[in-house]
Amino acid sequence: ELDLATLIVKGSTTTGECVDIFDGDNQMEGAPTTPLAPGASTEFSWGLSCPGKNGEDISVLLSNAGVTLIEVTGKLA
Protein backbone atom coordinates (compact mmCIF):
# COMPACT_ATOMS: atom_id res chain seq x y z
CA GLU A 1 0.00 0.00 0.00
CA LEU A 2 1.04 3.57 -0.69
CA ASP A 3 0.18 6.02 2.09
CA LEU A 4 -0.95 9.04 0.09
CA ALA A 5 -1.53 11.05 3.28
CA THR A 6 2.27 11.42 3.52
CA LEU A 7 2.74 12.33 -0.15
CA ILE A 8 4.94 15.40 -0.68
CA VAL A 9 4.59 17.52 -3.81
CA LYS A 10 7.47 19.96 -4.27
CA GLY A 11 7.75 22.39 -7.15
CA SER A 12 10.51 24.81 -8.02
CA THR A 13 11.57 27.15 -10.79
CA THR A 14 14.91 28.76 -11.44
CA THR A 15 13.47 31.78 -9.57
CA GLY A 16 12.42 29.93 -6.41
CA GLU A 17 10.22 27.42 -4.60
CA CYS A 18 6.53 26.91 -5.37
CA VAL A 19 3.82 26.94 -2.70
CA ASP A 20 0.82 24.60 -2.43
CA ILE A 21 -2.69 25.83 -3.20
CA PHE A 22 -5.57 24.17 -1.37
CA ASP A 23 -8.97 25.19 -2.71
CA GLY A 24 -11.88 22.94 -1.75
CA ASP A 25 -14.27 24.88 -4.00
CA ASN A 26 -12.19 23.71 -7.00
CA GLN A 27 -11.50 20.18 -5.73
CA MET A 28 -7.85 20.95 -4.86
CA GLU A 29 -7.87 19.39 -1.39
CA GLY A 30 -4.59 17.48 -1.37
CA ALA A 31 -4.00 13.76 -1.60
CA PRO A 32 -6.55 11.17 -0.44
CA THR A 33 -6.06 9.92 3.12
CA THR A 34 -6.93 6.30 2.30
CA PRO A 35 -3.87 4.16 1.44
CA LEU A 36 -3.67 3.09 -2.20
CA ALA A 37 -3.65 -0.69 -2.63
CA PRO A 38 -1.04 -2.34 -4.90
CA GLY A 39 -2.20 -2.26 -8.52
CA ALA A 40 -4.91 0.32 -7.79
CA SER A 41 -5.09 3.85 -9.15
CA THR A 42 -6.60 7.13 -8.02
CA GLU A 43 -6.93 10.72 -9.20
CA PHE A 44 -6.75 13.97 -7.26
CA SER A 45 -6.07 17.63 -7.98
CA TRP A 46 -3.14 19.57 -6.54
CA GLY A 47 -2.36 23.23 -7.13
CA LEU A 48 1.01 24.99 -7.07
CA SER A 49 1.82 28.67 -7.31
CA CYS A 50 5.32 29.19 -8.67
CA PRO A 51 7.47 32.28 -9.10
CA GLY A 52 8.91 33.07 -12.50
CA LYS A 53 8.18 34.22 -16.01
CA ASN A 54 6.69 32.47 -19.03
CA GLY A 55 9.16 29.98 -20.48
CA GLU A 56 11.13 29.54 -17.26
CA ASP A 57 12.11 25.99 -16.27
CA ILE A 58 9.94 24.22 -13.67
CA SER A 59 10.46 20.93 -11.85
CA VAL A 60 7.83 19.05 -9.83
CA LEU A 61 8.75 16.12 -7.56
CA LEU A 62 6.33 13.70 -5.91
CA SER A 63 7.85 11.79 -3.02
CA ASN A 64 6.73 9.47 -0.26
CA ALA A 65 8.75 8.19 2.70
CA GLY A 66 11.81 10.09 1.46
CA VAL A 67 11.76 8.40 -1.97
CA THR A 68 11.11 10.39 -5.16
CA LEU A 69 8.40 8.54 -7.05
CA ILE A 70 7.84 10.93 -9.96
CA GLU A 71 9.80 13.87 -11.37
CA VAL A 72 8.34 16.10 -14.07
CA THR A 73 10.13 18.98 -15.76
CA GLY A 74 8.85 21.60 -18.17
CA LYS A 75 8.37 25.31 -18.77
CA LEU A 76 6.05 27.80 -17.09
CA ALA A 77 3.14 28.86 -19.28
PDB file of N, CA and C in Angstrom:
ATOM      1  N   GLU A   1       0.827  -1.191   0.000  1.00  0.00           N
ATOM      2  CA  GLU A   1       0.000   0.000   0.000  1.00  0.00           C
ATOM      3  C   GLU A   1       0.867   1.249   0.000  1.00  0.00           C
ATOM      4  N   LEU A   2       0.369   2.280  -0.647  1.00  0.00           N
ATOM      5  CA  LEU A   2       1.041   3.567  -0.690  1.00  0.00           C
ATOM      6  C   LEU A   2       0.240   4.537   0.163  1.00  0.00           C
ATOM      7  N   ASP A   3       0.861   5.090   1.188  1.00  0.00           N
ATOM      8  CA  ASP A   3       0.182   6.021   2.087  1.00  0.00           C
ATOM      9  C   ASP A   3       0.194   7.407   1.464  1.00  0.00           C
ATOM     10  N   LEU A   4      -0.882   7.757   0.765  1.00  0.00           N
ATOM     11  CA  LEU A   4      -0.952   9.044   0.086  1.00  0.00           C
ATOM     12  C   LEU A   4      -1.057  10.222   1.045  1.00  0.00           C
ATOM     13  N   ALA A   5      -1.436   9.971   2.290  1.00  0.00           N
ATOM     14  CA  ALA A   5      -1.528  11.052   3.280  1.00  0.00           C
ATOM     15  C   ALA A   5      -0.154  11.646   3.579  1.00  0.00           C
ATOM     16  N   THR A   6       0.920  10.910   3.290  1.00  0.00           N
ATOM     17  CA  THR A   6       2.273  11.420   3.524  1.00  0.00           C
ATOM     18  C   THR A   6       2.963  11.829   2.225  1.00  0.00           C
ATOM     19  N   LEU A   7       2.197  11.917   1.134  1.00  0.00           N
ATOM     20  CA  LEU A   7       2.742  12.330  -0.155  1.00  0.00           C
ATOM     21  C   LEU A   7       3.224  13.779  -0.075  1.00  0.00           C
ATOM     22  N   ILE A   8       4.397  14.043  -0.637  1.00  0.00           N
ATOM     23  CA  ILE A   8       4.944  15.395  -0.684  1.00  0.00           C
ATOM     24  C   ILE A   8       5.066  15.802  -2.143  1.00  0.00           C
ATOM     25  N   VAL A   9       4.475  16.948  -2.477  1.00  0.00           N
ATOM     26  CA  VAL A   9       4.589  17.525  -3.814  1.00  0.00           C
ATOM     27  C   VAL A   9       5.435  18.780  -3.662  1.00  0.00           C
ATOM     28  N   LYS A  10       6.555  18.824  -4.381  1.00  0.00           N
ATOM     29  CA  LYS A  10       7.466  19.961  -4.272  1.00  0.00           C
ATOM     30  C   LYS A  10       7.759  20.486  -5.670  1.00  0.00           C
ATOM     31  N   GLY A  11       7.480  21.752  -5.869  1.00  0.00           N
ATOM     32  CA  GLY A  11       7.752  22.390  -7.150  1.00  0.00           C
ATOM     33  C   GLY A  11       8.772  23.487  -6.991  1.00  0.00           C
ATOM     34  N   SER A  12       9.555  23.705  -8.037  1.00  0.00           N
ATOM     35  CA  SER A  12      10.514  24.806  -8.018  1.00  0.00           C
ATOM     36  C   SER A  12      10.788  25.278  -9.433  1.00  0.00           C
ATOM     37  N   THR A  13      11.131  26.542  -9.533  1.00  0.00           N
ATOM     38  CA  THR A  13      11.569  27.146 -10.788  1.00  0.00           C
ATOM     39  C   THR A  13      12.981  27.676 -10.567  1.00  0.00           C
ATOM     40  N   THR A  14      13.579  28.191 -11.615  1.00  0.00           N
ATOM     41  CA  THR A  14      14.911  28.764 -11.443  1.00  0.00           C
ATOM     42  C   THR A  14      14.855  30.037 -10.593  1.00  0.00           C
ATOM     43  N   THR A  15      13.639  30.605 -10.415  1.00  0.00           N
ATOM     44  CA  THR A  15      13.465  31.781  -9.574  1.00  0.00           C
ATOM     45  C   THR A  15      13.293  31.426  -8.105  1.00  0.00           C
ATOM     46  N   GLY A  16      12.646  30.283  -7.808  1.00  0.00           N
ATOM     47  CA  GLY A  16      12.423  29.926  -6.410  1.00  0.00           C
ATOM     48  C   GLY A  16      11.471  28.766  -6.242  1.00  0.00           C
ATOM     49  N   GLU A  17      11.087  28.541  -4.972  1.00  0.00           N
ATOM     50  CA  GLU A  17      10.221  27.419  -4.603  1.00  0.00           C
ATOM     51  C   GLU A  17       8.751  27.757  -4.845  1.00  0.00           C
ATOM     52  N   CYS A  18       7.975  26.772  -5.209  1.00  0.00           N
ATOM     53  CA  CYS A  18       6.530  26.909  -5.367  1.00  0.00           C
ATOM     54  C   CYS A  18       5.849  26.692  -4.022  1.00  0.00           C
ATOM     55  N   VAL A  19       4.622  27.166  -3.898  1.00  0.00           N
ATOM     56  CA  VAL A  19       3.815  26.941  -2.700  1.00  0.00           C
ATOM     57  C   VAL A  19       2.540  26.201  -3.098  1.00  0.00           C
ATOM     58  N   ASP A  20       2.040  25.363  -2.181  1.00  0.00           N
ATOM     59  CA  ASP A  20       0.816  24.601  -2.425  1.00  0.00           C
ATOM     60  C   ASP A  20      -0.401  25.514  -2.398  1.00  0.00           C
ATOM     61  N   ILE A  21      -1.400  25.152  -3.214  1.00  0.00           N
ATOM     62  CA  ILE A  21      -2.687  25.828  -3.200  1.00  0.00           C
ATOM     63  C   ILE A  21      -3.734  24.789  -2.837  1.00  0.00           C
ATOM     64  N   PHE A  22      -4.461  25.036  -1.760  1.00  0.00           N
ATOM     65  CA  PHE A  22      -5.569  24.166  -1.374  1.00  0.00           C
ATOM     66  C   PHE A  22      -6.849  24.972  -1.534  1.00  0.00           C
ATOM     67  N   ASP A  23      -7.754  24.485  -2.379  1.00  0.00           N
ATOM     68  CA  ASP A  23      -8.975  25.190  -2.713  1.00  0.00           C
ATOM     69  C   ASP A  23     -10.104  24.175  -2.848  1.00  0.00           C
ATOM     70  N   GLY A  24     -10.811  23.932  -1.759  1.00  0.00           N
ATOM     71  CA  GLY A  24     -11.878  22.942  -1.751  1.00  0.00           C
ATOM     72  C   GLY A  24     -12.984  23.238  -2.735  1.00  0.00           C
ATOM     73  N   ASP A  25     -13.233  24.528  -3.040  1.00  0.00           N
ATOM     74  CA  ASP A  25     -14.270  24.878  -4.001  1.00  0.00           C
ATOM     75  C   ASP A  25     -13.929  24.392  -5.406  1.00  0.00           C
ATOM     76  N   ASN A  26     -12.642  24.174  -5.679  1.00  0.00           N
ATOM     77  CA  ASN A  26     -12.193  23.711  -7.000  1.00  0.00           C
ATOM     78  C   ASN A  26     -11.564  22.326  -6.933  1.00  0.00           C
ATOM     79  N   GLN A  27     -11.924  21.561  -5.920  1.00  0.00           N
ATOM     80  CA  GLN A  27     -11.496  20.182  -5.725  1.00  0.00           C
ATOM     81  C   GLN A  27      -9.976  20.030  -5.622  1.00  0.00           C
ATOM     82  N   MET A  28      -9.285  21.040  -5.129  1.00  0.00           N
ATOM     83  CA  MET A  28      -7.846  20.946  -4.859  1.00  0.00           C
ATOM     84  C   MET A  28      -7.687  20.838  -3.347  1.00  0.00           C
ATOM     85  N   GLU A  29      -7.848  19.618  -2.832  1.00  0.00           N
ATOM     86  CA  GLU A  29      -7.872  19.390  -1.392  1.00  0.00           C
ATOM     87  C   GLU A  29      -6.698  18.556  -0.909  1.00  0.00           C
ATOM     88  N   GLY A  30      -5.714  18.317  -1.753  1.00  0.00           N
ATOM     89  CA  GLY A  30      -4.587  17.485  -1.368  1.00  0.00           C
ATOM     90  C   GLY A  30      -4.834  16.028  -1.710  1.00  0.00           C
ATOM     91  N   ALA A  31      -3.929  15.191  -1.288  1.00  0.00           N
ATOM     92  CA  ALA A  31      -4.001  13.762  -1.604  1.00  0.00           C
ATOM     93  C   ALA A  31      -5.051  13.062  -0.743  1.00  0.00           C
ATOM     94  N   PRO A  32      -5.607  11.956  -1.250  1.00  0.00           N
ATOM     95  CA  PRO A  32      -6.548  11.170  -0.437  1.00  0.00           C
ATOM     96  C   PRO A  32      -5.860  10.638   0.817  1.00  0.00           C
ATOM     97  N   THR A  33      -6.631  10.418   1.864  1.00  0.00           N
ATOM     98  CA  THR A  33      -6.061   9.916   3.117  1.00  0.00           C
ATOM     99  C   THR A  33      -6.129   8.399   3.219  1.00  0.00           C
ATOM    100  N   THR A  34      -6.835   7.764   2.307  1.00  0.00           N
ATOM    101  CA  THR A  34      -6.935   6.304   2.302  1.00  0.00           C
ATOM    102  C   THR A  34      -5.729   5.722   1.562  1.00  0.00           C
ATOM    103  N   PRO A  35      -5.012   4.771   2.139  1.00  0.00           N
ATOM    104  CA  PRO A  35      -3.870   4.157   1.437  1.00  0.00           C
ATOM    105  C   PRO A  35      -4.304   3.542   0.106  1.00  0.00           C
ATOM    106  N   LEU A  36      -3.414   3.623  -0.866  1.00  0.00           N
ATOM    107  CA  LEU A  36      -3.670   3.091  -2.202  1.00  0.00           C
ATOM    108  C   LEU A  36      -3.137   1.664  -2.277  1.00  0.00           C
ATOM    109  N   ALA A  37      -4.022   0.724  -2.573  1.00  0.00           N
ATOM    110  CA  ALA A  37      -3.649  -0.692  -2.631  1.00  0.00           C
ATOM    111  C   ALA A  37      -2.752  -0.967  -3.835  1.00  0.00           C
ATOM    112  N   PRO A  38      -1.885  -1.971  -3.756  1.00  0.00           N
ATOM    113  CA  PRO A  38      -1.043  -2.342  -4.900  1.00  0.00           C
ATOM    114  C   PRO A  38      -1.896  -2.617  -6.133  1.00  0.00           C
ATOM    115  N   GLY A  39      -1.495  -2.065  -7.257  1.00  0.00           N
ATOM    116  CA  GLY A  39      -2.205  -2.263  -8.517  1.00  0.00           C
ATOM    117  C   GLY A  39      -3.395  -1.350  -8.715  1.00  0.00           C
ATOM    118  N   ALA A  40      -3.771  -0.592  -7.685  1.00  0.00           N
ATOM    119  CA  ALA A  40      -4.915   0.316  -7.787  1.00  0.00           C
ATOM    120  C   ALA A  40      -4.464   1.675  -8.318  1.00  0.00           C
ATOM    121  N   SER A  41      -5.410   2.495  -8.695  1.00  0.00           N
ATOM    122  CA  SER A  41      -5.095   3.851  -9.148  1.00  0.00           C
ATOM    123  C   SER A  41      -6.088   4.822  -8.533  1.00  0.00           C
ATOM    124  N   THR A  42      -5.728   6.074  -8.540  1.00  0.00           N
ATOM    125  CA  THR A  42      -6.597   7.128  -8.020  1.00  0.00           C
ATOM    126  C   THR A  42      -6.270   8.420  -8.745  1.00  0.00           C
ATOM    127  N   GLU A  43      -7.149   9.388  -8.631  1.00  0.00           N
ATOM    128  CA  GLU A  43      -6.930  10.717  -9.199  1.00  0.00           C
ATOM    129  C   GLU A  43      -7.239  11.755  -8.134  1.00  0.00           C
ATOM    130  N   PHE A  44      -6.468  12.844  -8.141  1.00  0.00           N
ATOM    131  CA  PHE A  44      -6.745  13.971  -7.257  1.00  0.00           C
ATOM    132  C   PHE A  44      -6.083  15.196  -7.846  1.00  0.00           C
ATOM    133  N   SER A  45      -6.597  16.358  -7.472  1.00  0.00           N
ATOM    134  CA  SER A  45      -6.067  17.630  -7.978  1.00  0.00           C
ATOM    135  C   SER A  45      -5.160  18.256  -6.937  1.00  0.00           C
ATOM    136  N   TRP A  46      -4.079  18.883  -7.415  1.00  0.00           N
ATOM    137  CA  TRP A  46      -3.137  19.569  -6.541  1.00  0.00           C
ATOM    138  C   TRP A  46      -2.723  20.853  -7.239  1.00  0.00           C
ATOM    139  N   GLY A  47      -2.741  21.963  -6.535  1.00  0.00           N
ATOM    140  CA  GLY A  47      -2.361  23.233  -7.131  1.00  0.00           C
ATOM    141  C   GLY A  47      -1.039  23.737  -6.578  1.00  0.00           C
ATOM    142  N   LEU A  48      -0.251  24.350  -7.458  1.00  0.00           N
ATOM    143  CA  LEU A  48       1.007  24.988  -7.068  1.00  0.00           C
ATOM    144  C   LEU A  48       1.031  26.401  -7.625  1.00  0.00           C
ATOM    145  N   SER A  49       1.552  27.319  -6.847  1.00  0.00           N
ATOM    146  CA  SER A  49       1.816  28.674  -7.311  1.00  0.00           C
ATOM    147  C   SER A  49       3.328  28.844  -7.329  1.00  0.00           C
ATOM    148  N   CYS A  50       3.868  29.166  -8.506  1.00  0.00           N
ATOM    149  CA  CYS A  50       5.325  29.189  -8.666  1.00  0.00           C
ATOM    150  C   CYS A  50       5.801  30.545  -9.168  1.00  0.00           C
ATOM    151  N   PRO A  51       6.909  31.022  -8.629  1.00  0.00           N
ATOM    152  CA  PRO A  51       7.465  32.281  -9.101  1.00  0.00           C
ATOM    153  C   PRO A  51       8.153  32.083 -10.443  1.00  0.00           C
ATOM    154  N   GLY A  52       8.186  33.137 -11.233  1.00  0.00           N
ATOM    155  CA  GLY A  52       8.915  33.067 -12.495  1.00  0.00           C
ATOM    156  C   GLY A  52       8.118  33.647 -13.642  1.00  0.00           C
ATOM    157  N   LYS A  53       8.763  33.656 -14.792  1.00  0.00           N
ATOM    158  CA  LYS A  53       8.176  34.219 -16.008  1.00  0.00           C
ATOM    159  C   LYS A  53       7.863  33.113 -17.003  1.00  0.00           C
ATOM    160  N   ASN A  54       6.999  33.414 -17.964  1.00  0.00           N
ATOM    161  CA  ASN A  54       6.687  32.467 -19.028  1.00  0.00           C
ATOM    162  C   ASN A  54       7.969  31.926 -19.649  1.00  0.00           C
ATOM    163  N   GLY A  55       8.003  30.609 -19.856  1.00  0.00           N
ATOM    164  CA  GLY A  55       9.156  29.975 -20.480  1.00  0.00           C
ATOM    165  C   GLY A  55      10.242  29.543 -19.521  1.00  0.00           C
ATOM    166  N   GLU A  56      10.125  29.927 -18.251  1.00  0.00           N
ATOM    167  CA  GLU A  56      11.132  29.542 -17.256  1.00  0.00           C
ATOM    168  C   GLU A  56      11.001  28.056 -16.925  1.00  0.00           C
ATOM    169  N   ASP A  57      12.118  27.409 -16.628  1.00  0.00           N
ATOM    170  CA  ASP A  57      12.111  25.988 -16.270  1.00  0.00           C
ATOM    171  C   ASP A  57      11.379  25.759 -14.955  1.00  0.00           C
ATOM    172  N   ILE A  58      10.621  24.636 -14.898  1.00  0.00           N
ATOM    173  CA  ILE A  58       9.936  24.221 -13.674  1.00  0.00           C
ATOM    174  C   ILE A  58      10.173  22.729 -13.471  1.00  0.00           C
ATOM    175  N   SER A  59      10.299  22.333 -12.216  1.00  0.00           N
ATOM    176  CA  SER A  59      10.461  20.932 -11.847  1.00  0.00           C
ATOM    177  C   SER A  59       9.463  20.624 -10.738  1.00  0.00           C
ATOM    178  N   VAL A  60       8.774  19.487 -10.852  1.00  0.00           N
ATOM    179  CA  VAL A  60       7.829  19.051  -9.826  1.00  0.00           C
ATOM    180  C   VAL A  60       8.207  17.632  -9.414  1.00  0.00           C
ATOM    181  N   LEU A  61       8.404  17.429  -8.111  1.00  0.00           N
ATOM    182  CA  LEU A  61       8.751  16.121  -7.557  1.00  0.00           C
ATOM    183  C   LEU A  61       7.621  15.625  -6.670  1.00  0.00           C
ATOM    184  N   LEU A  62       7.266  14.358  -6.809  1.00  0.00           N
ATOM    185  CA  LEU A  62       6.325  13.700  -5.907  1.00  0.00           C
ATOM    186  C   LEU A  62       7.112  12.653  -5.153  1.00  0.00           C
ATOM    187  N   SER A  63       7.090  12.743  -3.822  1.00  0.00           N
ATOM    188  CA  SER A  63       7.853  11.793  -3.017  1.00  0.00           C
ATOM    189  C   SER A  63       7.010  11.267  -1.873  1.00  0.00           C
ATOM    190  N   ASN A  64       7.420  10.108  -1.365  1.00  0.00           N
ATOM    191  CA  ASN A  64       6.731   9.470  -0.257  1.00  0.00           C
ATOM    192  C   ASN A  64       7.774   8.695   0.522  1.00  0.00           C
ATOM    193  N   ALA A  65       7.784   8.861   1.825  1.00  0.00           N
ATOM    194  CA  ALA A  65       8.750   8.185   2.699  1.00  0.00           C
ATOM    195  C   ALA A  65      10.191   8.469   2.278  1.00  0.00           C
ATOM    196  N   GLY A  66      10.451   9.698   1.830  1.00  0.00           N
ATOM    197  CA  GLY A  66      11.807  10.087   1.458  1.00  0.00           C
ATOM    198  C   GLY A  66      12.275   9.587   0.112  1.00  0.00           C
ATOM    199  N   VAL A  67      11.397   8.944  -0.661  1.00  0.00           N
ATOM    200  CA  VAL A  67      11.761   8.395  -1.971  1.00  0.00           C
ATOM    201  C   VAL A  67      11.012   9.169  -3.051  1.00  0.00           C
ATOM    202  N   THR A  68      11.753   9.706  -4.041  1.00  0.00           N
ATOM    203  CA  THR A  68      11.109  10.389  -5.157  1.00  0.00           C
ATOM    204  C   THR A  68      10.463   9.352  -6.054  1.00  0.00           C
ATOM    205  N   LEU A  69       9.147   9.476  -6.233  1.00  0.00           N
ATOM    206  CA  LEU A  69       8.400   8.539  -7.051  1.00  0.00           C
ATOM    207  C   LEU A  69       8.250   9.027  -8.490  1.00  0.00           C
ATOM    208  N   ILE A  70       8.046  10.346  -8.639  1.00  0.00           N
ATOM    209  CA  ILE A  70       7.837  10.935  -9.957  1.00  0.00           C
ATOM    210  C   ILE A  70       8.553  12.274 -10.008  1.00  0.00           C
ATOM    211  N   GLU A  71       9.218  12.545 -11.123  1.00  0.00           N
ATOM    212  CA  GLU A  71       9.800  13.873 -11.367  1.00  0.00           C
ATOM    213  C   GLU A  71       9.365  14.319 -12.747  1.00  0.00           C
ATOM    214  N   VAL A  72       8.809  15.539 -12.814  1.00  0.00           N
ATOM    215  CA  VAL A  72       8.344  16.097 -14.072  1.00  0.00           C
ATOM    216  C   VAL A  72       9.035  17.443 -14.258  1.00  0.00           C
ATOM    217  N   THR A  73       9.517  17.694 -15.460  1.00  0.00           N
ATOM    218  CA  THR A  73      10.131  18.983 -15.762  1.00  0.00           C
ATOM    219  C   THR A  73       9.420  19.603 -16.963  1.00  0.00           C
ATOM    220  N   GLY A  74       9.472  20.916 -17.060  1.00  0.00           N
ATOM    221  CA  GLY A  74       8.848  21.599 -18.175  1.00  0.00           C
ATOM    222  C   GLY A  74       9.126  23.085 -18.103  1.00  0.00           C
ATOM    223  N   LYS A  75       8.244  23.854 -18.712  1.00  0.00           N
ATOM    224  CA  LYS A  75       8.367  25.314 -18.767  1.00  0.00           C
ATOM    225  C   LYS A  75       7.089  25.931 -18.224  1.00  0.00           C
ATOM    226  N   LEU A  76       7.223  27.069 -17.548  1.00  0.00           N
ATOM    227  CA  LEU A  76       6.055  27.800 -17.089  1.00  0.00           C
ATOM    228  C   LEU A  76       5.305  28.350 -18.286  1.00  0.00           C
ATOM    229  N   ALA A  77       3.984  28.324 -18.191  1.00  0.00           N
ATOM    230  CA  ALA A  77       3.142  28.857 -19.277  1.00  0.00           C
ATOM    231  C   ALA A  77       2.637  30.234 -18.917  1.00  0.00           C
TER     232      ALA A  77
END
